[in-house]
N, C-alpha and C. Protein backbone atom coordinates (compact mmCIF):
# COMPACT_ATOMS: atom_id res chain seq x y z
N MET A 1 82.25 62.74 74.84
CA MET A 1 81.29 61.98 74.09
C MET A 1 81.85 60.58 73.85
N LYS A 2 81.13 59.57 74.27
CA LYS A 2 81.56 58.19 74.04
C LYS A 2 80.70 57.60 72.94
N GLN A 3 81.37 56.94 72.01
CA GLN A 3 80.64 56.36 70.89
C GLN A 3 81.34 55.09 70.46
N TRP A 4 80.57 54.08 70.18
CA TRP A 4 81.11 52.81 69.71
C TRP A 4 80.27 52.38 68.55
N ASN A 5 80.85 52.29 67.36
CA ASN A 5 80.14 51.91 66.16
C ASN A 5 80.59 50.51 65.76
N THR A 6 79.67 49.56 65.72
CA THR A 6 80.01 48.18 65.38
C THR A 6 79.53 47.80 63.98
N GLU A 7 79.24 48.78 63.16
CA GLU A 7 78.80 48.50 61.80
C GLU A 7 79.88 47.75 61.05
N GLY A 8 79.54 46.59 60.48
CA GLY A 8 80.49 45.78 59.73
C GLY A 8 81.42 44.94 60.61
N ILE A 9 81.18 44.91 61.90
CA ILE A 9 82.03 44.18 62.86
C ILE A 9 81.26 42.96 63.36
N ASP A 10 81.90 41.79 63.35
CA ASP A 10 81.30 40.55 63.85
C ASP A 10 82.24 39.92 64.88
N GLU A 11 81.69 39.04 65.69
CA GLU A 11 82.45 38.27 66.67
C GLU A 11 83.39 39.14 67.50
N LEU A 12 82.82 40.21 68.05
CA LEU A 12 83.58 41.15 68.87
C LEU A 12 83.75 40.59 70.27
N SER A 13 84.99 40.63 70.79
CA SER A 13 85.22 40.21 72.17
C SER A 13 86.28 41.11 72.80
N LEU A 14 86.16 41.28 74.10
CA LEU A 14 87.08 42.10 74.88
C LEU A 14 87.58 41.29 76.06
N ASP A 15 88.88 41.14 76.19
CA ASP A 15 89.49 40.49 77.34
C ASP A 15 90.03 41.61 78.23
N ARG A 16 89.31 41.92 79.29
CA ARG A 16 89.70 43.04 80.15
C ARG A 16 91.03 42.81 80.86
N SER A 17 91.38 41.57 81.14
CA SER A 17 92.64 41.31 81.86
C SER A 17 93.86 41.62 80.99
N THR A 18 93.76 41.35 79.68
CA THR A 18 94.89 41.63 78.78
C THR A 18 94.67 42.90 77.96
N LYS A 19 93.46 43.47 78.07
CA LYS A 19 93.08 44.67 77.32
C LYS A 19 93.16 44.43 75.81
N LEU A 20 92.74 43.22 75.40
CA LEU A 20 92.79 42.82 74.00
C LEU A 20 91.38 42.79 73.42
N ILE A 21 91.21 43.48 72.30
CA ILE A 21 89.95 43.47 71.56
C ILE A 21 90.18 42.66 70.30
N THR A 22 89.30 41.69 70.03
CA THR A 22 89.39 40.92 68.79
C THR A 22 88.04 41.01 68.08
N PHE A 23 88.08 40.96 66.77
CA PHE A 23 86.85 41.03 65.98
C PHE A 23 87.14 40.55 64.57
N GLN A 24 86.07 40.32 63.81
CA GLN A 24 86.17 39.99 62.40
C GLN A 24 85.38 41.01 61.62
N THR A 25 85.86 41.30 60.40
CA THR A 25 85.15 42.21 59.53
C THR A 25 85.39 41.82 58.08
N MET A 26 84.43 42.09 57.24
CA MET A 26 84.56 41.85 55.81
C MET A 26 84.96 43.14 55.09
N ARG A 27 85.04 44.22 55.82
CA ARG A 27 85.35 45.53 55.25
C ARG A 27 86.83 45.81 55.40
N LEU A 28 87.51 46.05 54.30
CA LEU A 28 88.91 46.41 54.33
C LEU A 28 89.00 47.93 54.22
N ALA A 29 89.23 48.56 55.35
CA ALA A 29 89.27 50.02 55.40
C ALA A 29 90.04 50.44 56.65
N PRO A 30 90.48 51.69 56.70
CA PRO A 30 91.16 52.15 57.92
C PRO A 30 90.24 52.00 59.13
N MET A 31 90.81 51.53 60.23
CA MET A 31 90.05 51.36 61.47
C MET A 31 90.86 51.95 62.61
N ALA A 32 90.18 52.33 63.66
CA ALA A 32 90.89 52.89 64.81
C ALA A 32 90.11 52.61 66.08
N PHE A 33 90.86 52.43 67.13
CA PHE A 33 90.30 52.40 68.48
C PHE A 33 90.85 53.64 69.14
N ILE A 34 89.98 54.52 69.53
CA ILE A 34 90.42 55.82 70.03
C ILE A 34 90.12 55.91 71.52
N MET A 35 91.13 56.33 72.27
CA MET A 35 90.95 56.58 73.70
C MET A 35 91.78 57.81 74.05
N SER A 36 91.60 58.28 75.23
CA SER A 36 92.34 59.45 75.67
C SER A 36 93.83 59.19 75.58
N ARG A 37 94.55 60.10 74.93
CA ARG A 37 96.01 59.96 74.84
C ARG A 37 96.66 60.29 76.17
N CYS A 38 95.94 60.87 77.05
CA CYS A 38 96.52 61.36 78.29
C CYS A 38 95.97 60.63 79.50
N SER A 39 95.90 59.31 79.43
CA SER A 39 95.35 58.55 80.57
C SER A 39 96.24 58.64 81.80
N ASP A 40 97.49 59.05 81.64
CA ASP A 40 98.39 59.23 82.77
C ASP A 40 98.67 60.70 83.06
N TYR A 41 97.95 61.58 82.41
CA TYR A 41 98.16 63.02 82.58
C TYR A 41 97.07 63.59 83.47
N PRO A 42 97.28 64.53 84.33
CA PRO A 42 98.55 65.23 84.51
C PRO A 42 99.55 64.36 85.26
N TYR A 43 100.82 64.52 84.92
CA TYR A 43 101.86 63.75 85.56
C TYR A 43 102.01 64.15 87.02
N LYS A 44 102.34 63.18 87.86
CA LYS A 44 102.64 63.47 89.26
C LYS A 44 103.99 64.16 89.37
N SER A 45 104.95 63.69 88.56
CA SER A 45 106.27 64.33 88.53
C SER A 45 107.02 63.87 87.30
N TRP A 46 108.07 64.59 86.97
CA TRP A 46 108.95 64.20 85.89
C TRP A 46 110.34 64.75 86.17
N LYS A 47 111.35 64.09 85.58
CA LYS A 47 112.74 64.49 85.80
C LYS A 47 113.52 64.15 84.54
N LEU A 48 114.34 65.08 84.07
CA LEU A 48 115.19 64.88 82.91
C LEU A 48 116.64 65.00 83.36
N ARG A 49 117.44 63.95 83.10
CA ARG A 49 118.84 63.96 83.55
C ARG A 49 119.75 63.44 82.46
N SER A 50 120.92 64.06 82.36
CA SER A 50 121.92 63.65 81.39
C SER A 50 122.73 62.49 81.96
N ILE A 51 122.94 61.44 81.14
CA ILE A 51 123.75 60.32 81.61
C ILE A 51 125.07 60.22 80.85
N GLU A 52 125.15 60.88 79.71
CA GLU A 52 126.39 60.99 78.94
C GLU A 52 126.16 62.08 77.90
N PRO A 53 127.22 62.55 77.25
CA PRO A 53 127.00 63.59 76.24
C PRO A 53 125.97 63.14 75.20
N LYS A 54 124.98 63.96 74.97
CA LYS A 54 123.92 63.74 73.98
C LYS A 54 122.97 62.60 74.32
N VAL A 55 122.97 62.10 75.54
CA VAL A 55 122.01 61.06 75.96
C VAL A 55 121.43 61.46 77.31
N ALA A 56 120.10 61.39 77.40
CA ALA A 56 119.41 61.76 78.64
C ALA A 56 118.39 60.69 79.01
N ILE A 57 118.03 60.70 80.27
CA ILE A 57 116.97 59.83 80.79
C ILE A 57 115.82 60.73 81.23
N LEU A 58 114.61 60.38 80.78
CA LEU A 58 113.40 61.09 81.18
C LEU A 58 112.57 60.16 82.04
N ASP A 59 112.40 60.53 83.32
CA ASP A 59 111.56 59.78 84.25
C ASP A 59 110.22 60.49 84.35
N ILE A 60 109.13 59.78 84.11
CA ILE A 60 107.79 60.34 84.25
C ILE A 60 107.00 59.47 85.21
N VAL A 61 106.39 60.09 86.21
CA VAL A 61 105.48 59.37 87.10
C VAL A 61 104.08 59.84 86.74
N GLY A 62 103.33 58.94 86.11
CA GLY A 62 101.98 59.26 85.68
C GLY A 62 100.95 58.88 86.74
N LYS A 63 99.68 59.04 86.40
CA LYS A 63 98.61 58.69 87.33
C LYS A 63 98.57 57.20 87.60
N ARG A 64 98.90 56.36 86.58
CA ARG A 64 98.84 54.91 86.75
C ARG A 64 100.16 54.30 87.17
N CYS A 65 101.27 54.73 86.57
CA CYS A 65 102.56 54.10 86.85
C CYS A 65 103.71 54.97 86.34
N PRO A 66 104.95 54.63 86.71
CA PRO A 66 106.11 55.38 86.21
C PRO A 66 106.61 54.84 84.87
N TYR A 67 107.25 55.71 84.11
CA TYR A 67 107.86 55.37 82.83
C TYR A 67 109.26 55.97 82.80
N VAL A 68 110.20 55.26 82.18
CA VAL A 68 111.56 55.77 82.05
C VAL A 68 111.97 55.64 80.58
N PHE A 69 112.35 56.77 79.97
CA PHE A 69 112.76 56.82 78.57
C PHE A 69 114.22 57.21 78.46
N GLN A 70 114.91 56.64 77.50
CA GLN A 70 116.25 57.09 77.13
C GLN A 70 116.11 57.87 75.84
N ILE A 71 116.72 59.04 75.79
CA ILE A 71 116.61 59.91 74.63
C ILE A 71 118.02 60.23 74.13
N GLY A 72 118.25 60.01 72.85
CA GLY A 72 119.56 60.30 72.26
C GLY A 72 119.39 60.93 70.90
N PRO A 73 120.47 61.15 70.19
CA PRO A 73 120.38 61.78 68.87
C PRO A 73 119.52 60.95 67.90
N GLY A 74 118.34 61.43 67.60
CA GLY A 74 117.46 60.77 66.64
C GLY A 74 116.69 59.57 67.15
N TYR A 75 116.70 59.29 68.44
CA TYR A 75 115.95 58.13 68.94
C TYR A 75 115.39 58.38 70.34
N VAL A 76 114.40 57.59 70.66
CA VAL A 76 113.85 57.53 72.01
C VAL A 76 113.55 56.07 72.28
N LYS A 77 113.75 55.64 73.52
CA LYS A 77 113.55 54.23 73.87
C LYS A 77 112.94 54.15 75.26
N LEU A 78 111.85 53.40 75.39
CA LEU A 78 111.25 53.13 76.69
C LEU A 78 112.11 52.07 77.36
N ILE A 79 112.70 52.39 78.52
CA ILE A 79 113.61 51.43 79.15
C ILE A 79 113.07 50.82 80.44
N GLU A 80 112.08 51.47 81.06
CA GLU A 80 111.42 50.88 82.23
C GLU A 80 109.95 51.23 82.18
N ASN A 81 109.11 50.25 82.55
CA ASN A 81 107.68 50.44 82.42
C ASN A 81 106.96 49.39 83.26
N GLN A 82 105.84 49.77 83.87
CA GLN A 82 105.04 48.82 84.64
C GLN A 82 103.69 48.53 83.99
N ALA A 83 103.37 49.23 82.91
CA ALA A 83 102.10 49.03 82.22
C ALA A 83 102.21 47.81 81.31
N LYS A 84 101.38 46.80 81.55
CA LYS A 84 101.44 45.56 80.77
C LYS A 84 101.25 45.79 79.28
N GLU A 85 100.40 46.76 78.93
CA GLU A 85 100.11 46.98 77.52
C GLU A 85 101.29 47.57 76.75
N LEU A 86 102.35 48.02 77.44
CA LEU A 86 103.53 48.55 76.77
C LEU A 86 104.75 47.63 76.89
N ALA A 87 104.59 46.48 77.52
CA ALA A 87 105.71 45.57 77.76
C ALA A 87 106.43 45.16 76.47
N HIS A 88 105.70 45.05 75.37
CA HIS A 88 106.29 44.60 74.10
C HIS A 88 107.21 45.63 73.46
N ILE A 89 107.21 46.89 73.94
CA ILE A 89 108.09 47.90 73.33
C ILE A 89 109.24 48.32 74.24
N VAL A 90 109.35 47.74 75.42
CA VAL A 90 110.46 48.08 76.31
C VAL A 90 111.77 47.66 75.65
N GLY A 91 112.71 48.59 75.59
CA GLY A 91 114.02 48.30 75.03
C GLY A 91 114.13 48.43 73.52
N ILE A 92 113.03 48.76 72.86
CA ILE A 92 113.05 48.90 71.40
C ILE A 92 113.27 50.36 71.05
N PHE A 93 114.20 50.60 70.14
CA PHE A 93 114.49 51.96 69.71
C PHE A 93 113.38 52.48 68.83
N GLY A 94 112.92 53.67 69.13
CA GLY A 94 111.99 54.37 68.27
C GLY A 94 112.74 55.56 67.70
N PHE A 95 112.48 55.89 66.48
CA PHE A 95 113.20 56.98 65.86
C PHE A 95 112.36 58.23 65.90
N CYS A 96 113.00 59.33 66.18
CA CYS A 96 112.31 60.61 66.18
C CYS A 96 113.07 61.56 65.27
N PHE A 97 112.36 62.40 64.63
CA PHE A 97 112.95 63.35 63.71
C PHE A 97 112.53 64.74 64.11
N LEU A 98 113.47 65.64 64.17
CA LEU A 98 113.16 67.03 64.49
C LEU A 98 112.78 67.74 63.21
N VAL A 99 111.69 68.48 63.27
CA VAL A 99 111.21 69.20 62.09
C VAL A 99 111.56 70.66 62.24
């Protein structure tokens, strides 16, 4: 089901080349742009390899492009990526917590 609600949204624009949506609103409330979380799923292939004690590299080849993650104690980091929309997070540590 596809649905787009523009209630309270003005001056909406979409730049398809950069995948940037801009808009103005007078409503201060939680907002979301929802799309399939699995746009690269099912994966074509994946590989997990240890590069040192407690550190591994996860290579994923998705439908659109490959991704390479470094995983260590309490963190994950995207280290290689071809998707323009993720370029700003390459090399940045993300923290993960085991529950």
